[in-house]
PDBML (XML) file of the C-alpha atoms, coordinates in Angstrom:
<?xml version="1.0" encoding="UTF-8" ?>
<PDBx:datablock datablockName="MODEL"
   xmlns:PDBx="http://pdbml.pdb.org/schema/pdbx-v50.xsd"
   xmlns:xsi="http://www.w3.org/2001/XMLSchema-instance"
   xsi:schemaLocation="http://pdbml.pdb.org/schema/pdbx-v50.xsd pdbx-v50.xsd">
   <PDBx:atom_siteCategory>
      <PDBx:atom_site id="1">
         <PDBx:B_iso_or_equiv>0.00</PDBx:B_iso_or_equiv>
         <PDBx:Cartn_x>0.715</PDBx:Cartn_x>
         <PDBx:Cartn_y>-0.084</PDBx:Cartn_y>
         <PDBx:Cartn_z>-3.811</PDBx:Cartn_z>
         <PDBx:auth_asym_id>A</PDBx:auth_asym_id>
         <PDBx:auth_atom_id>CA</PDBx:auth_atom_id>
         <PDBx:auth_comp_id>HIS</PDBx:auth_comp_id>
         <PDBx:auth_seq_id>1</PDBx:auth_seq_id>
         <PDBx:group_PDB>ATOM</PDBx:group_PDB>
         <PDBx:label_alt_id xsi:nil="true" />
         <PDBx:label_asym_id>A</PDBx:label_asym_id>
         <PDBx:label_atom_id>CA</PDBx:label_atom_id>
         <PDBx:label_comp_id>HIS</PDBx:label_comp_id>
         <PDBx:label_entity_id>1</PDBx:label_entity_id>
         <PDBx:label_seq_id>1</PDBx:label_seq_id>
         <PDBx:occupancy>1.00</PDBx:occupancy>
         <PDBx:pdbx_PDB_model_num>1</PDBx:pdbx_PDB_model_num>
         <PDBx:type_symbol>C</PDBx:type_symbol>
      </PDBx:atom_site>
      <PDBx:atom_site id="2">
         <PDBx:B_iso_or_equiv>0.00</PDBx:B_iso_or_equiv>
         <PDBx:Cartn_x>-2.417</PDBx:Cartn_x>
         <PDBx:Cartn_y>0.312</PDBx:Cartn_y>
         <PDBx:Cartn_z>-5.921</PDBx:Cartn_z>
         <PDBx:auth_asym_id>A</PDBx:auth_asym_id>
         <PDBx:auth_atom_id>CA</PDBx:auth_atom_id>
         <PDBx:auth_comp_id>ASP</PDBx:auth_comp_id>
         <PDBx:auth_seq_id>2</PDBx:auth_seq_id>
         <PDBx:group_PDB>ATOM</PDBx:group_PDB>
         <PDBx:label_alt_id xsi:nil="true" />
         <PDBx:label_asym_id>A</PDBx:label_asym_id>
         <PDBx:label_atom_id>CA</PDBx:label_atom_id>
         <PDBx:label_comp_id>ASP</PDBx:label_comp_id>
         <PDBx:label_entity_id>1</PDBx:label_entity_id>
         <PDBx:label_seq_id>2</PDBx:label_seq_id>
         <PDBx:occupancy>1.00</PDBx:occupancy>
         <PDBx:pdbx_PDB_model_num>1</PDBx:pdbx_PDB_model_num>
         <PDBx:type_symbol>C</PDBx:type_symbol>
      </PDBx:atom_site>
      <PDBx:atom_site id="3">
         <PDBx:B_iso_or_equiv>0.00</PDBx:B_iso_or_equiv>
         <PDBx:Cartn_x>-5.581</PDBx:Cartn_x>
         <PDBx:Cartn_y>2.033</PDBx:Cartn_y>
         <PDBx:Cartn_z>-4.744</PDBx:Cartn_z>
         <PDBx:auth_asym_id>A</PDBx:auth_asym_id>
         <PDBx:auth_atom_id>CA</PDBx:auth_atom_id>
         <PDBx:auth_comp_id>MET</PDBx:auth_comp_id>
         <PDBx:auth_seq_id>3</PDBx:auth_seq_id>
         <PDBx:group_PDB>ATOM</PDBx:group_PDB>
         <PDBx:label_alt_id xsi:nil="true" />
         <PDBx:label_asym_id>A</PDBx:label_asym_id>
         <PDBx:label_atom_id>CA</PDBx:label_atom_id>
         <PDBx:label_comp_id>MET</PDBx:label_comp_id>
         <PDBx:label_entity_id>1</PDBx:label_entity_id>
         <PDBx:label_seq_id>3</PDBx:label_seq_id>
         <PDBx:occupancy>1.00</PDBx:occupancy>
         <PDBx:pdbx_PDB_model_num>1</PDBx:pdbx_PDB_model_num>
         <PDBx:type_symbol>C</PDBx:type_symbol>
      </PDBx:atom_site>
      <PDBx:atom_site id="4">
         <PDBx:B_iso_or_equiv>0.00</PDBx:B_iso_or_equiv>
         <PDBx:Cartn_x>-9.063</PDBx:Cartn_x>
         <PDBx:Cartn_y>1.453</PDBx:Cartn_y>
         <PDBx:Cartn_z>-6.172</PDBx:Cartn_z>
         <PDBx:auth_asym_id>A</PDBx:auth_asym_id>
         <PDBx:auth_atom_id>CA</PDBx:auth_atom_id>
         <PDBx:auth_comp_id>LEU</PDBx:auth_comp_id>
         <PDBx:auth_seq_id>4</PDBx:auth_seq_id>
         <PDBx:group_PDB>ATOM</PDBx:group_PDB>
         <PDBx:label_alt_id xsi:nil="true" />
         <PDBx:label_asym_id>A</PDBx:label_asym_id>
         <PDBx:label_atom_id>CA</PDBx:label_atom_id>
         <PDBx:label_comp_id>LEU</PDBx:label_comp_id>
         <PDBx:label_entity_id>1</PDBx:label_entity_id>
         <PDBx:label_seq_id>4</PDBx:label_seq_id>
         <PDBx:occupancy>1.00</PDBx:occupancy>
         <PDBx:pdbx_PDB_model_num>1</PDBx:pdbx_PDB_model_num>
         <PDBx:type_symbol>C</PDBx:type_symbol>
      </PDBx:atom_site>
      <PDBx:atom_site id="5">
         <PDBx:B_iso_or_equiv>0.00</PDBx:B_iso_or_equiv>
         <PDBx:Cartn_x>-11.814</PDBx:Cartn_x>
         <PDBx:Cartn_y>3.933</PDBx:Cartn_y>
         <PDBx:Cartn_z>-5.355</PDBx:Cartn_z>
         <PDBx:auth_asym_id>A</PDBx:auth_asym_id>
         <PDBx:auth_atom_id>CA</PDBx:auth_atom_id>
         <PDBx:auth_comp_id>THR</PDBx:auth_comp_id>
         <PDBx:auth_seq_id>5</PDBx:auth_seq_id>
         <PDBx:group_PDB>ATOM</PDBx:group_PDB>
         <PDBx:label_alt_id xsi:nil="true" />
         <PDBx:label_asym_id>A</PDBx:label_asym_id>
         <PDBx:label_atom_id>CA</PDBx:label_atom_id>
         <PDBx:label_comp_id>THR</PDBx:label_comp_id>
         <PDBx:label_entity_id>1</PDBx:label_entity_id>
         <PDBx:label_seq_id>5</PDBx:label_seq_id>
         <PDBx:occupancy>1.00</PDBx:occupancy>
         <PDBx:pdbx_PDB_model_num>1</PDBx:pdbx_PDB_model_num>
         <PDBx:type_symbol>C</PDBx:type_symbol>
      </PDBx:atom_site>
      <PDBx:atom_site id="6">
         <PDBx:B_iso_or_equiv>0.00</PDBx:B_iso_or_equiv>
         <PDBx:Cartn_x>-15.558</PDBx:Cartn_x>
         <PDBx:Cartn_y>4.474</PDBx:Cartn_y>
         <PDBx:Cartn_z>-5.681</PDBx:Cartn_z>
         <PDBx:auth_asym_id>A</PDBx:auth_asym_id>
         <PDBx:auth_atom_id>CA</PDBx:auth_atom_id>
         <PDBx:auth_comp_id>LEU</PDBx:auth_comp_id>
         <PDBx:auth_seq_id>6</PDBx:auth_seq_id>
         <PDBx:group_PDB>ATOM</PDBx:group_PDB>
         <PDBx:label_alt_id xsi:nil="true" />
         <PDBx:label_asym_id>A</PDBx:label_asym_id>
         <PDBx:label_atom_id>CA</PDBx:label_atom_id>
         <PDBx:label_comp_id>LEU</PDBx:label_comp_id>
         <PDBx:label_entity_id>1</PDBx:label_entity_id>
         <PDBx:label_seq_id>6</PDBx:label_seq_id>
         <PDBx:occupancy>1.00</PDBx:occupancy>
         <PDBx:pdbx_PDB_model_num>1</PDBx:pdbx_PDB_model_num>
         <PDBx:type_symbol>C</PDBx:type_symbol>
      </PDBx:atom_site>
      <PDBx:atom_site id="7">
         <PDBx:B_iso_or_equiv>0.00</PDBx:B_iso_or_equiv>
         <PDBx:Cartn_x>-15.656</PDBx:Cartn_x>
         <PDBx:Cartn_y>5.787</PDBx:Cartn_y>
         <PDBx:Cartn_z>-9.247</PDBx:Cartn_z>
         <PDBx:auth_asym_id>A</PDBx:auth_asym_id>
         <PDBx:auth_atom_id>CA</PDBx:auth_atom_id>
         <PDBx:auth_comp_id>THR</PDBx:auth_comp_id>
         <PDBx:auth_seq_id>7</PDBx:auth_seq_id>
         <PDBx:group_PDB>ATOM</PDBx:group_PDB>
         <PDBx:label_alt_id xsi:nil="true" />
         <PDBx:label_asym_id>A</PDBx:label_asym_id>
         <PDBx:label_atom_id>CA</PDBx:label_atom_id>
         <PDBx:label_comp_id>THR</PDBx:label_comp_id>
         <PDBx:label_entity_id>1</PDBx:label_entity_id>
         <PDBx:label_seq_id>7</PDBx:label_seq_id>
         <PDBx:occupancy>1.00</PDBx:occupancy>
         <PDBx:pdbx_PDB_model_num>1</PDBx:pdbx_PDB_model_num>
         <PDBx:type_symbol>C</PDBx:type_symbol>
      </PDBx:atom_site>
      <PDBx:atom_site id="8">
         <PDBx:B_iso_or_equiv>0.00</PDBx:B_iso_or_equiv>
         <PDBx:Cartn_x>-19.413</PDBx:Cartn_x>
         <PDBx:Cartn_y>6.119</PDBx:Cartn_y>
         <PDBx:Cartn_z>-9.619</PDBx:Cartn_z>
         <PDBx:auth_asym_id>A</PDBx:auth_asym_id>
         <PDBx:auth_atom_id>CA</PDBx:auth_atom_id>
         <PDBx:auth_comp_id>GLY</PDBx:auth_comp_id>
         <PDBx:auth_seq_id>8</PDBx:auth_seq_id>
         <PDBx:group_PDB>ATOM</PDBx:group_PDB>
         <PDBx:label_alt_id xsi:nil="true" />
         <PDBx:label_asym_id>A</PDBx:label_asym_id>
         <PDBx:label_atom_id>CA</PDBx:label_atom_id>
         <PDBx:label_comp_id>GLY</PDBx:label_comp_id>
         <PDBx:label_entity_id>1</PDBx:label_entity_id>
         <PDBx:label_seq_id>8</PDBx:label_seq_id>
         <PDBx:occupancy>1.00</PDBx:occupancy>
         <PDBx:pdbx_PDB_model_num>1</PDBx:pdbx_PDB_model_num>
         <PDBx:type_symbol>C</PDBx:type_symbol>
      </PDBx:atom_site>
      <PDBx:atom_site id="9">
         <PDBx:B_iso_or_equiv>0.00</PDBx:B_iso_or_equiv>
         <PDBx:Cartn_x>-20.424</PDBx:Cartn_x>
         <PDBx:Cartn_y>7.027</PDBx:Cartn_y>
         <PDBx:Cartn_z>-6.082</PDBx:Cartn_z>
         <PDBx:auth_asym_id>A</PDBx:auth_asym_id>
         <PDBx:auth_atom_id>CA</PDBx:auth_atom_id>
         <PDBx:auth_comp_id>GLY</PDBx:auth_comp_id>
         <PDBx:auth_seq_id>9</PDBx:auth_seq_id>
         <PDBx:group_PDB>ATOM</PDBx:group_PDB>
         <PDBx:label_alt_id xsi:nil="true" />
         <PDBx:label_asym_id>A</PDBx:label_asym_id>
         <PDBx:label_atom_id>CA</PDBx:label_atom_id>
         <PDBx:label_comp_id>GLY</PDBx:label_comp_id>
         <PDBx:label_entity_id>1</PDBx:label_entity_id>
         <PDBx:label_seq_id>9</PDBx:label_seq_id>
         <PDBx:occupancy>1.00</PDBx:occupancy>
         <PDBx:pdbx_PDB_model_num>1</PDBx:pdbx_PDB_model_num>
         <PDBx:type_symbol>C</PDBx:type_symbol>
      </PDBx:atom_site>
      <PDBx:atom_site id="10">
         <PDBx:B_iso_or_equiv>0.00</PDBx:B_iso_or_equiv>
         <PDBx:Cartn_x>-22.825</PDBx:Cartn_x>
         <PDBx:Cartn_y>4.057</PDBx:Cartn_y>
         <PDBx:Cartn_z>-5.736</PDBx:Cartn_z>
         <PDBx:auth_asym_id>A</PDBx:auth_asym_id>
         <PDBx:auth_atom_id>CA</PDBx:auth_atom_id>
         <PDBx:auth_comp_id>ALA</PDBx:auth_comp_id>
         <PDBx:auth_seq_id>10</PDBx:auth_seq_id>
         <PDBx:group_PDB>ATOM</PDBx:group_PDB>
         <PDBx:label_alt_id xsi:nil="true" />
         <PDBx:label_asym_id>A</PDBx:label_asym_id>
         <PDBx:label_atom_id>CA</PDBx:label_atom_id>
         <PDBx:label_comp_id>ALA</PDBx:label_comp_id>
         <PDBx:label_entity_id>1</PDBx:label_entity_id>
         <PDBx:label_seq_id>10</PDBx:label_seq_id>
         <PDBx:occupancy>1.00</PDBx:occupancy>
         <PDBx:pdbx_PDB_model_num>1</PDBx:pdbx_PDB_model_num>
         <PDBx:type_symbol>C</PDBx:type_symbol>
      </PDBx:atom_site>
      <PDBx:atom_site id="11">
         <PDBx:B_iso_or_equiv>0.00</PDBx:B_iso_or_equiv>
         <PDBx:Cartn_x>-21.890</PDBx:Cartn_x>
         <PDBx:Cartn_y>2.579</PDBx:Cartn_y>
         <PDBx:Cartn_z>-2.365</PDBx:Cartn_z>
         <PDBx:auth_asym_id>A</PDBx:auth_asym_id>
         <PDBx:auth_atom_id>CA</PDBx:auth_atom_id>
         <PDBx:auth_comp_id>ILE</PDBx:auth_comp_id>
         <PDBx:auth_seq_id>11</PDBx:auth_seq_id>
         <PDBx:group_PDB>ATOM</PDBx:group_PDB>
         <PDBx:label_alt_id xsi:nil="true" />
         <PDBx:label_asym_id>A</PDBx:label_asym_id>
         <PDBx:label_atom_id>CA</PDBx:label_atom_id>
         <PDBx:label_comp_id>ILE</PDBx:label_comp_id>
         <PDBx:label_entity_id>1</PDBx:label_entity_id>
         <PDBx:label_seq_id>11</PDBx:label_seq_id>
         <PDBx:occupancy>1.00</PDBx:occupancy>
         <PDBx:pdbx_PDB_model_num>1</PDBx:pdbx_PDB_model_num>
         <PDBx:type_symbol>C</PDBx:type_symbol>
      </PDBx:atom_site>
      <PDBx:atom_site id="12">
         <PDBx:B_iso_or_equiv>0.00</PDBx:B_iso_or_equiv>
         <PDBx:Cartn_x>-21.544</PDBx:Cartn_x>
         <PDBx:Cartn_y>-1.168</PDBx:Cartn_y>
         <PDBx:Cartn_z>-1.912</PDBx:Cartn_z>
         <PDBx:auth_asym_id>A</PDBx:auth_asym_id>
         <PDBx:auth_atom_id>CA</PDBx:auth_atom_id>
         <PDBx:auth_comp_id>GLY</PDBx:auth_comp_id>
         <PDBx:auth_seq_id>12</PDBx:auth_seq_id>
         <PDBx:group_PDB>ATOM</PDBx:group_PDB>
         <PDBx:label_alt_id xsi:nil="true" />
         <PDBx:label_asym_id>A</PDBx:label_asym_id>
         <PDBx:label_atom_id>CA</PDBx:label_atom_id>
         <PDBx:label_comp_id>GLY</PDBx:label_comp_id>
         <PDBx:label_entity_id>1</PDBx:label_entity_id>
         <PDBx:label_seq_id>12</PDBx:label_seq_id>
         <PDBx:occupancy>1.00</PDBx:occupancy>
         <PDBx:pdbx_PDB_model_num>1</PDBx:pdbx_PDB_model_num>
         <PDBx:type_symbol>C</PDBx:type_symbol>
      </PDBx:atom_site>
      <PDBx:atom_site id="13">
         <PDBx:B_iso_or_equiv>0.00</PDBx:B_iso_or_equiv>
         <PDBx:Cartn_x>-18.601</PDBx:Cartn_x>
         <PDBx:Cartn_y>-1.384</PDBx:Cartn_y>
         <PDBx:Cartn_z>-4.303</PDBx:Cartn_z>
         <PDBx:auth_asym_id>A</PDBx:auth_asym_id>
         <PDBx:auth_atom_id>CA</PDBx:auth_atom_id>
         <PDBx:auth_comp_id>GLN</PDBx:auth_comp_id>
         <PDBx:auth_seq_id>13</PDBx:auth_seq_id>
         <PDBx:group_PDB>ATOM</PDBx:group_PDB>
         <PDBx:label_alt_id xsi:nil="true" />
         <PDBx:label_asym_id>A</PDBx:label_asym_id>
         <PDBx:label_atom_id>CA</PDBx:label_atom_id>
         <PDBx:label_comp_id>GLN</PDBx:label_comp_id>
         <PDBx:label_entity_id>1</PDBx:label_entity_id>
         <PDBx:label_seq_id>13</PDBx:label_seq_id>
         <PDBx:occupancy>1.00</PDBx:occupancy>
         <PDBx:pdbx_PDB_model_num>1</PDBx:pdbx_PDB_model_num>
         <PDBx:type_symbol>C</PDBx:type_symbol>
      </PDBx:atom_site>
      <PDBx:atom_site id="14">
         <PDBx:B_iso_or_equiv>0.00</PDBx:B_iso_or_equiv>
         <PDBx:Cartn_x>-15.713</PDBx:Cartn_x>
         <PDBx:Cartn_y>-1.993</PDBx:Cartn_y>
         <PDBx:Cartn_z>-1.909</PDBx:Cartn_z>
         <PDBx:auth_asym_id>A</PDBx:auth_asym_id>
         <PDBx:auth_atom_id>CA</PDBx:auth_atom_id>
         <PDBx:auth_comp_id>GLY</PDBx:auth_comp_id>
         <PDBx:auth_seq_id>14</PDBx:auth_seq_id>
         <PDBx:group_PDB>ATOM</PDBx:group_PDB>
         <PDBx:label_alt_id xsi:nil="true" />
         <PDBx:label_asym_id>A</PDBx:label_asym_id>
         <PDBx:label_atom_id>CA</PDBx:label_atom_id>
         <PDBx:label_comp_id>GLY</PDBx:label_comp_id>
         <PDBx:label_entity_id>1</PDBx:label_entity_id>
         <PDBx:label_seq_id>14</PDBx:label_seq_id>
         <PDBx:occupancy>1.00</PDBx:occupancy>
         <PDBx:pdbx_PDB_model_num>1</PDBx:pdbx_PDB_model_num>
         <PDBx:type_symbol>C</PDBx:type_symbol>
      </PDBx:atom_site>
      <PDBx:atom_site id="15">
         <PDBx:B_iso_or_equiv>0.00</PDBx:B_iso_or_equiv>
         <PDBx:Cartn_x>-16.123</PDBx:Cartn_x>
         <PDBx:Cartn_y>-5.579</PDBx:Cartn_y>
         <PDBx:Cartn_z>-0.693</PDBx:Cartn_z>
         <PDBx:auth_asym_id>A</PDBx:auth_asym_id>
         <PDBx:auth_atom_id>CA</PDBx:auth_atom_id>
         <PDBx:auth_comp_id>LEU</PDBx:auth_comp_id>
         <PDBx:auth_seq_id>15</PDBx:auth_seq_id>
         <PDBx:group_PDB>ATOM</PDBx:group_PDB>
         <PDBx:label_alt_id xsi:nil="true" />
         <PDBx:label_asym_id>A</PDBx:label_asym_id>
         <PDBx:label_atom_id>CA</PDBx:label_atom_id>
         <PDBx:label_comp_id>LEU</PDBx:label_comp_id>
         <PDBx:label_entity_id>1</PDBx:label_entity_id>
         <PDBx:label_seq_id>15</PDBx:label_seq_id>
         <PDBx:occupancy>1.00</PDBx:occupancy>
         <PDBx:pdbx_PDB_model_num>1</PDBx:pdbx_PDB_model_num>
         <PDBx:type_symbol>C</PDBx:type_symbol>
      </PDBx:atom_site>
      <PDBx:atom_site id="16">
         <PDBx:B_iso_or_equiv>0.00</PDBx:B_iso_or_equiv>
         <PDBx:Cartn_x>-17.023</PDBx:Cartn_x>
         <PDBx:Cartn_y>-6.980</PDBx:Cartn_y>
         <PDBx:Cartn_z>-4.154</PDBx:Cartn_z>
         <PDBx:auth_asym_id>A</PDBx:auth_asym_id>
         <PDBx:auth_atom_id>CA</PDBx:auth_atom_id>
         <PDBx:auth_comp_id>PRO</PDBx:auth_comp_id>
         <PDBx:auth_seq_id>16</PDBx:auth_seq_id>
         <PDBx:group_PDB>ATOM</PDBx:group_PDB>
         <PDBx:label_alt_id xsi:nil="true" />
         <PDBx:label_asym_id>A</PDBx:label_asym_id>
         <PDBx:label_atom_id>CA</PDBx:label_atom_id>
         <PDBx:label_comp_id>PRO</PDBx:label_comp_id>
         <PDBx:label_entity_id>1</PDBx:label_entity_id>
         <PDBx:label_seq_id>16</PDBx:label_seq_id>
         <PDBx:occupancy>1.00</PDBx:occupancy>
         <PDBx:pdbx_PDB_model_num>1</PDBx:pdbx_PDB_model_num>
         <PDBx:type_symbol>C</PDBx:type_symbol>
      </PDBx:atom_site>
      <PDBx:atom_site id="17">
         <PDBx:B_iso_or_equiv>0.00</PDBx:B_iso_or_equiv>
         <PDBx:Cartn_x>-14.190</PDBx:Cartn_x>
         <PDBx:Cartn_y>-5.030</PDBx:Cartn_y>
         <PDBx:Cartn_z>-5.770</PDBx:Cartn_z>
         <PDBx:auth_asym_id>A</PDBx:auth_asym_id>
         <PDBx:auth_atom_id>CA</PDBx:auth_atom_id>
         <PDBx:auth_comp_id>SER</PDBx:auth_comp_id>
         <PDBx:auth_seq_id>17</PDBx:auth_seq_id>
         <PDBx:group_PDB>ATOM</PDBx:group_PDB>
         <PDBx:label_alt_id xsi:nil="true" />
         <PDBx:label_asym_id>A</PDBx:label_asym_id>
         <PDBx:label_atom_id>CA</PDBx:label_atom_id>
         <PDBx:label_comp_id>SER</PDBx:label_comp_id>
         <PDBx:label_entity_id>1</PDBx:label_entity_id>
         <PDBx:label_seq_id>17</PDBx:label_seq_id>
         <PDBx:occupancy>1.00</PDBx:occupancy>
         <PDBx:pdbx_PDB_model_num>1</PDBx:pdbx_PDB_model_num>
         <PDBx:type_symbol>C</PDBx:type_symbol>
      </PDBx:atom_site>
      <PDBx:atom_site id="18">
         <PDBx:B_iso_or_equiv>0.00</PDBx:B_iso_or_equiv>
         <PDBx:Cartn_x>-11.790</PDBx:Cartn_x>
         <PDBx:Cartn_y>-6.549</PDBx:Cartn_y>
         <PDBx:Cartn_z>-3.245</PDBx:Cartn_z>
         <PDBx:auth_asym_id>A</PDBx:auth_asym_id>
         <PDBx:auth_atom_id>CA</PDBx:auth_atom_id>
         <PDBx:auth_comp_id>ALA</PDBx:auth_comp_id>
         <PDBx:auth_seq_id>18</PDBx:auth_seq_id>
         <PDBx:group_PDB>ATOM</PDBx:group_PDB>
         <PDBx:label_alt_id xsi:nil="true" />
         <PDBx:label_asym_id>A</PDBx:label_asym_id>
         <PDBx:label_atom_id>CA</PDBx:label_atom_id>
         <PDBx:label_comp_id>ALA</PDBx:label_comp_id>
         <PDBx:label_entity_id>1</PDBx:label_entity_id>
         <PDBx:label_seq_id>18</PDBx:label_seq_id>
         <PDBx:occupancy>1.00</PDBx:occupancy>
         <PDBx:pdbx_PDB_model_num>1</PDBx:pdbx_PDB_model_num>
         <PDBx:type_symbol>C</PDBx:type_symbol>
      </PDBx:atom_site>
      <PDBx:atom_site id="19">
         <PDBx:B_iso_or_equiv>0.00</PDBx:B_iso_or_equiv>
         <PDBx:Cartn_x>-13.010</PDBx:Cartn_x>
         <PDBx:Cartn_y>-10.004</PDBx:Cartn_y>
         <PDBx:Cartn_z>-4.307</PDBx:Cartn_z>
         <PDBx:auth_asym_id>A</PDBx:auth_asym_id>
         <PDBx:auth_atom_id>CA</PDBx:auth_atom_id>
         <PDBx:auth_comp_id>VAL</PDBx:auth_comp_id>
         <PDBx:auth_seq_id>19</PDBx:auth_seq_id>
         <PDBx:group_PDB>ATOM</PDBx:group_PDB>
         <PDBx:label_alt_id xsi:nil="true" />
         <PDBx:label_asym_id>A</PDBx:label_asym_id>
         <PDBx:label_atom_id>CA</PDBx:label_atom_id>
         <PDBx:label_comp_id>VAL</PDBx:label_comp_id>
         <PDBx:label_entity_id>1</PDBx:label_entity_id>
         <PDBx:label_seq_id>19</PDBx:label_seq_id>
         <PDBx:occupancy>1.00</PDBx:occupancy>
         <PDBx:pdbx_PDB_model_num>1</PDBx:pdbx_PDB_model_num>
         <PDBx:type_symbol>C</PDBx:type_symbol>
      </PDBx:atom_site>
      <PDBx:atom_site id="20">
         <PDBx:B_iso_or_equiv>0.00</PDBx:B_iso_or_equiv>
         <PDBx:Cartn_x>-12.217</PDBx:Cartn_x>
         <PDBx:Cartn_y>-9.231</PDBx:Cartn_y>
         <PDBx:Cartn_z>-7.927</PDBx:Cartn_z>
         <PDBx:auth_asym_id>A</PDBx:auth_asym_id>
         <PDBx:auth_atom_id>CA</PDBx:auth_atom_id>
         <PDBx:auth_comp_id>GLY</PDBx:auth_comp_id>
         <PDBx:auth_seq_id>20</PDBx:auth_seq_id>
         <PDBx:group_PDB>ATOM</PDBx:group_PDB>
         <PDBx:label_alt_id xsi:nil="true" />
         <PDBx:label_asym_id>A</PDBx:label_asym_id>
         <PDBx:label_atom_id>CA</PDBx:label_atom_id>
         <PDBx:label_comp_id>GLY</PDBx:label_comp_id>
         <PDBx:label_entity_id>1</PDBx:label_entity_id>
         <PDBx:label_seq_id>20</PDBx:label_seq_id>
         <PDBx:occupancy>1.00</PDBx:occupancy>
         <PDBx:pdbx_PDB_model_num>1</PDBx:pdbx_PDB_model_num>
         <PDBx:type_symbol>C</PDBx:type_symbol>
      </PDBx:atom_site>
      <PDBx:atom_site id="21">
         <PDBx:B_iso_or_equiv>0.00</PDBx:B_iso_or_equiv>
         <PDBx:Cartn_x>-8.827</PDBx:Cartn_x>
         <PDBx:Cartn_y>-7.693</PDBx:Cartn_y>
         <PDBx:Cartn_z>-7.148</PDBx:Cartn_z>
         <PDBx:auth_asym_id>A</PDBx:auth_asym_id>
         <PDBx:auth_atom_id>CA</PDBx:auth_atom_id>
         <PDBx:auth_comp_id>ALA</PDBx:auth_comp_id>
         <PDBx:auth_seq_id>21</PDBx:auth_seq_id>
         <PDBx:group_PDB>ATOM</PDBx:group_PDB>
         <PDBx:label_alt_id xsi:nil="true" />
         <PDBx:label_asym_id>A</PDBx:label_asym_id>
         <PDBx:label_atom_id>CA</PDBx:label_atom_id>
         <PDBx:label_comp_id>ALA</PDBx:label_comp_id>
         <PDBx:label_entity_id>1</PDBx:label_entity_id>
         <PDBx:label_seq_id>21</PDBx:label_seq_id>
         <PDBx:occupancy>1.00</PDBx:occupancy>
         <PDBx:pdbx_PDB_model_num>1</PDBx:pdbx_PDB_model_num>
         <PDBx:type_symbol>C</PDBx:type_symbol>
      </PDBx:atom_site>
      <PDBx:atom_site id="22">
         <PDBx:B_iso_or_equiv>0.00</PDBx:B_iso_or_equiv>
         <PDBx:Cartn_x>-7.835</PDBx:Cartn_x>
         <PDBx:Cartn_y>-10.759</PDBx:Cartn_y>
         <PDBx:Cartn_z>-5.115</PDBx:Cartn_z>
         <PDBx:auth_asym_id>A</PDBx:auth_asym_id>
         <PDBx:auth_atom_id>CA</PDBx:auth_atom_id>
         <PDBx:auth_comp_id>ALA</PDBx:auth_comp_id>
         <PDBx:auth_seq_id>22</PDBx:auth_seq_id>
         <PDBx:group_PDB>ATOM</PDBx:group_PDB>
         <PDBx:label_alt_id xsi:nil="true" />
         <PDBx:label_asym_id>A</PDBx:label_asym_id>
         <PDBx:label_atom_id>CA</PDBx:label_atom_id>
         <PDBx:label_comp_id>ALA</PDBx:label_comp_id>
         <PDBx:label_entity_id>1</PDBx:label_entity_id>
         <PDBx:label_seq_id>22</PDBx:label_seq_id>
         <PDBx:occupancy>1.00</PDBx:occupancy>
         <PDBx:pdbx_PDB_model_num>1</PDBx:pdbx_PDB_model_num>
         <PDBx:type_symbol>C</PDBx:type_symbol>
      </PDBx:atom_site>
      <PDBx:atom_site id="23">
         <PDBx:B_iso_or_equiv>0.00</PDBx:B_iso_or_equiv>
         <PDBx:Cartn_x>-8.886</PDBx:Cartn_x>
         <PDBx:Cartn_y>-13.115</PDBx:Cartn_y>
         <PDBx:Cartn_z>-7.928</PDBx:Cartn_z>
         <PDBx:auth_asym_id>A</PDBx:auth_asym_id>
         <PDBx:auth_atom_id>CA</PDBx:auth_atom_id>
         <PDBx:auth_comp_id>VAL</PDBx:auth_comp_id>
         <PDBx:auth_seq_id>23</PDBx:auth_seq_id>
         <PDBx:group_PDB>ATOM</PDBx:group_PDB>
         <PDBx:label_alt_id xsi:nil="true" />
         <PDBx:label_asym_id>A</PDBx:label_asym_id>
         <PDBx:label_atom_id>CA</PDBx:label_atom_id>
         <PDBx:label_comp_id>VAL</PDBx:label_comp_id>
         <PDBx:label_entity_id>1</PDBx:label_entity_id>
         <PDBx:label_seq_id>23</PDBx:label_seq_id>
         <PDBx:occupancy>1.00</PDBx:occupancy>
         <PDBx:pdbx_PDB_model_num>1</PDBx:pdbx_PDB_model_num>
         <PDBx:type_symbol>C</PDBx:type_symbol>
      </PDBx:atom_site>
      <PDBx:atom_site id="24">
         <PDBx:B_iso_or_equiv>0.00</PDBx:B_iso_or_equiv>
         <PDBx:Cartn_x>-6.889</PDBx:Cartn_x>
         <PDBx:Cartn_y>-11.050</PDBx:Cartn_y>
         <PDBx:Cartn_z>-10.444</PDBx:Cartn_z>
         <PDBx:auth_asym_id>A</PDBx:auth_asym_id>
         <PDBx:auth_atom_id>CA</PDBx:auth_atom_id>
         <PDBx:auth_comp_id>ALA</PDBx:auth_comp_id>
         <PDBx:auth_seq_id>24</PDBx:auth_seq_id>
         <PDBx:group_PDB>ATOM</PDBx:group_PDB>
         <PDBx:label_alt_id xsi:nil="true" />
         <PDBx:label_asym_id>A</PDBx:label_asym_id>
         <PDBx:label_atom_id>CA</PDBx:label_atom_id>
         <PDBx:label_comp_id>ALA</PDBx:label_comp_id>
         <PDBx:label_entity_id>1</PDBx:label_entity_id>
         <PDBx:label_seq_id>24</PDBx:label_seq_id>
         <PDBx:occupancy>1.00</PDBx:occupancy>
         <PDBx:pdbx_PDB_model_num>1</PDBx:pdbx_PDB_model_num>
         <PDBx:type_symbol>C</PDBx:type_symbol>
      </PDBx:atom_site>
      <PDBx:atom_site id="25">
         <PDBx:B_iso_or_equiv>0.00</PDBx:B_iso_or_equiv>
         <PDBx:Cartn_x>-3.773</PDBx:Cartn_x>
         <PDBx:Cartn_y>-10.827</PDBx:Cartn_y>
         <PDBx:Cartn_z>-8.225</PDBx:Cartn_z>
         <PDBx:auth_asym_id>A</PDBx:auth_asym_id>
         <PDBx:auth_atom_id>CA</PDBx:auth_atom_id>
         <PDBx:auth_comp_id>CYS</PDBx:auth_comp_id>
         <PDBx:auth_seq_id>25</PDBx:auth_seq_id>
         <PDBx:group_PDB>ATOM</PDBx:group_PDB>
         <PDBx:label_alt_id xsi:nil="true" />
         <PDBx:label_asym_id>A</PDBx:label_asym_id>
         <PDBx:label_atom_id>CA</PDBx:label_atom_id>
         <PDBx:label_comp_id>CYS</PDBx:label_comp_id>
         <PDBx:label_entity_id>1</PDBx:label_entity_id>
         <PDBx:label_seq_id>25</PDBx:label_seq_id>
         <PDBx:occupancy>1.00</PDBx:occupancy>
         <PDBx:pdbx_PDB_model_num>1</PDBx:pdbx_PDB_model_num>
         <PDBx:type_symbol>C</PDBx:type_symbol>
      </PDBx:atom_site>
   </PDBx:atom_siteCategory>
</PDBx:datablock>
């Protein structure tokens, strides 16, 4: 599997990032 993490420490990234990952794949 792939794992994406909070690269910049600014919380609120996870749900939007999941949107983008799902659109890409």
